[in-house]
């Protein structure tokens, strides 16, 4: 049975706090701690969709997760900010 994130009552977004209590099985091929940490960060980001929600799933702060994204060179797409997305008039 696959776990599908369900929207929290009264909101359009699902609650990462509900998913944090659901066991997740991740198989790693090595006992390398850095590899395991990288895989956990990637899976949390894929599951949650945002850095804030992924940090909640992992039980760390947003800043701690951001540092791990940089540390492990995880390619995580950032949404362009509104002022960066607009083209500058010539």
C-alpha atoms as a PDB file:
ATOM      1  CA  UNK A   1       0.000   0.000   0.000  1.00  0.00           C
ATOM      2  CA  UNK A   2       1.543   3.292  -1.114  1.00  0.00           C
ATOM      3  CA  UNK A   3       1.430   6.291   1.162  1.00  0.00           C
ATOM      4  CA  UNK A   4      -0.119   9.340  -0.470  1.00  0.00           C
ATOM      5  CA  UNK A   5       0.152  12.699   1.297  1.00  0.00           C
ATOM      6  CA  UNK A   6      -3.316  13.876   2.246  1.00  0.00           C
ATOM      7  CA  UNK A   7      -4.246  17.538   2.679  1.00  0.00           C
ATOM      8  CA  UNK A   8      -4.620  18.600   6.300  1.00  0.00           C
ATOM      9  CA  UNK A   9      -8.149  19.448   7.354  1.00  0.00           C
ATOM     10  CA  UNK A  10      -9.068  22.987   6.316  1.00  0.00           C
ATOM     11  CA  UNK A  11      -5.974  23.546   4.176  1.00  0.00           C
ATOM     12  CA  UNK A  12      -4.850  22.724   0.667  1.00  0.00           C
ATOM     13  CA  UNK A  13      -1.429  21.501   1.805  1.00  0.00           C
ATOM     14  CA  UNK A  14      -0.695  18.220   3.555  1.00  0.00           C
ATOM     15  CA  UNK A  15       0.886  18.244   6.965  1.00  0.00           C
ATOM     16  CA  UNK A  16       4.504  17.052   7.121  1.00  0.00           C
ATOM     17  CA  UNK A  17       4.032  16.410  10.843  1.00  0.00           C
ATOM     18  CA  UNK A  18       1.618  13.591  10.035  1.00  0.00           C
ATOM     19  CA  UNK A  19       4.088  11.959   7.655  1.00  0.00           C
ATOM     20  CA  UNK A  20       6.966  12.241  10.123  1.00  0.00           C
ATOM     21  CA  UNK A  21       5.419   9.485  12.245  1.00  0.00           C
ATOM     22  CA  UNK A  22       5.050   7.095   9.287  1.00  0.00           C
ATOM     23  CA  UNK A  23       7.951   4.630   8.985  1.00  0.00           C
ATOM     24  CA  UNK A  24       9.966   4.958   5.798  1.00  0.00           C
ATOM     25  CA  UNK A  25      12.310   2.238   4.598  1.00  0.00           C
ATOM     26  CA  UNK A  26      15.397   3.430   2.745  1.00  0.00           C
ATOM     27  CA  UNK A  27      17.970   0.861   1.675  1.00  0.00           C
ATOM     28  CA  UNK A  28      21.569   1.996   1.624  1.00  0.00           C
ATOM     29  CA  UNK A  29      24.413   0.012   0.121  1.00  0.00           C
ATOM     30  CA  UNK A  30      27.113   1.294   2.483  1.00  0.00           C
ATOM     31  CA  UNK A  31      27.638   2.191   6.118  1.00  0.00           C
ATOM     32  CA  UNK A  32      28.934   5.616   5.088  1.00  0.00           C
ATOM     33  CA  UNK A  33      27.142   8.152   7.282  1.00  0.00           C
ATOM     34  CA  UNK A  34      27.488  10.981   4.743  1.00  0.00           C
ATOM     35  CA  UNK A  35      25.829   8.827   2.066  1.00  0.00           C
ATOM     36  CA  UNK A  36      22.958   7.956   4.406  1.00  0.00           C
ATOM     37  CA  UNK A  37      22.481  11.624   5.367  1.00  0.00           C
ATOM     38  CA  UNK A  38      22.467  12.650   1.696  1.00  0.00           C
ATOM     39  CA  UNK A  39      19.872   9.998   0.815  1.00  0.00           C
ATOM     40  CA  UNK A  40      17.633  11.037   3.734  1.00  0.00           C
ATOM     41  CA  UNK A  41      17.784  14.683   2.681  1.00  0.00           C
ATOM     42  CA  UNK A  42      16.931  13.827  -0.936  1.00  0.00           C
ATOM     43  CA  UNK A  43      14.002  11.587   0.058  1.00  0.00           C
ATOM     44  CA  UNK A  44      12.627  14.184   2.479  1.00  0.00           C
ATOM     45  CA  UNK A  45      12.850  16.913  -0.181  1.00  0.00           C
ATOM     46  CA  UNK A  46      11.093  14.718  -2.761  1.00  0.00           C
ATOM     47  CA  UNK A  47       8.375  13.725  -0.293  1.00  0.00           C
ATOM     48  CA  UNK A  48       7.749  17.159   1.215  1.00  0.00           C
ATOM     49  CA  UNK A  49       8.352  19.351  -1.834  1.00  0.00           C
ATOM     50  CA  UNK A  50       9.738  22.324   0.104  1.00  0.00           C
ATOM     51  CA  UNK A  51      12.785  22.837   2.278  1.00  0.00           C
ATOM     52  CA  UNK A  52      10.646  23.929   5.229  1.00  0.00           C
ATOM     53  CA  UNK A  53       8.417  20.837   5.117  1.00  0.00           C
ATOM     54  CA  UNK A  54      11.392  18.514   4.482  1.00  0.00           C
ATOM     55  CA  UNK A  55      13.122  19.972   7.535  1.00  0.00           C
ATOM     56  CA  UNK A  56      10.033  19.191   9.616  1.00  0.00           C
ATOM     57  CA  UNK A  57      10.087  15.592   8.345  1.00  0.00           C
ATOM     58  CA  UNK A  58      13.767  15.254   9.274  1.00  0.00           C
ATOM     59  CA  UNK A  59      13.374  16.989  12.623  1.00  0.00           C
ATOM     60  CA  UNK A  60      15.918  19.722  11.846  1.00  0.00           C
ATOM     61  CA  UNK A  61      15.672  23.438  11.199  1.00  0.00           C
ATOM     62  CA  UNK A  62      15.354  24.913   7.730  1.00  0.00           C
ATOM     63  CA  UNK A  63      18.836  26.362   8.054  1.00  0.00           C
ATOM     64  CA  UNK A  64      20.316  22.997   9.064  1.00  0.00           C
ATOM     65  CA  UNK A  65      18.748  21.347   6.026  1.00  0.00           C
ATOM     66  CA  UNK A  66      19.978  24.165   3.773  1.00  0.00           C
ATOM     67  CA  UNK A  67      23.527  23.609   5.071  1.00  0.00           C
ATOM     68  CA  UNK A  68      23.240  19.882   4.341  1.00  0.00           C
ATOM     69  CA  UNK A  69      21.990  20.605   0.799  1.00  0.00           C
ATOM     70  CA  UNK A  70      25.143  22.663   0.202  1.00  0.00           C
ATOM     71  CA  UNK A  71      27.402  20.181   2.045  1.00  0.00           C
ATOM     72  CA  UNK A  72      26.221  17.200   0.001  1.00  0.00           C
ATOM     73  CA  UNK A  73      25.903  19.187  -3.243  1.00  0.00           C
ATOM     74  CA  UNK A  74      22.235  18.234  -3.629  1.00  0.00           C
ATOM     75  CA  UNK A  75      20.690  19.717  -6.744  1.00  0.00           C
ATOM     76  CA  UNK A  76      17.504  21.210  -5.364  1.00  0.00           C
ATOM     77  CA  UNK A  77      15.560  23.571  -7.667  1.00  0.00           C
ATOM     78  CA  UNK A  78      14.897  26.962  -6.138  1.00  0.00           C
ATOM     79  CA  UNK A  79      11.950  28.996  -7.323  1.00  0.00           C
ATOM     80  CA  UNK A  80      13.048  32.319  -8.781  1.00  0.00           C
ATOM     81  CA  UNK A  81      11.999  35.319  -6.742  1.00  0.00           C
ATOM     82  CA  UNK A  82       9.449  37.678  -8.254  1.00  0.00           C
ATOM     83  CA  UNK A  83      11.952  40.460  -8.925  1.00  0.00           C
ATOM     84  CA  UNK A  84      14.411  38.006 -10.528  1.00  0.00           C
ATOM     85  CA  UNK A  85      11.805  36.313 -12.695  1.00  0.00           C
ATOM     86  CA  UNK A  86      10.758  39.502 -14.483  1.00  0.00           C
ATOM     87  CA  UNK A  87      12.827  40.651 -17.408  1.00  0.00           C
ATOM     88  CA  UNK A  88      14.403  44.051 -17.128  1.00  0.00           C
ATOM     89  CA  UNK A  89      13.142  46.566 -19.724  1.00  0.00           C
ATOM     90  CA  UNK A  90      15.806  47.752 -22.184  1.00  0.00           C
END
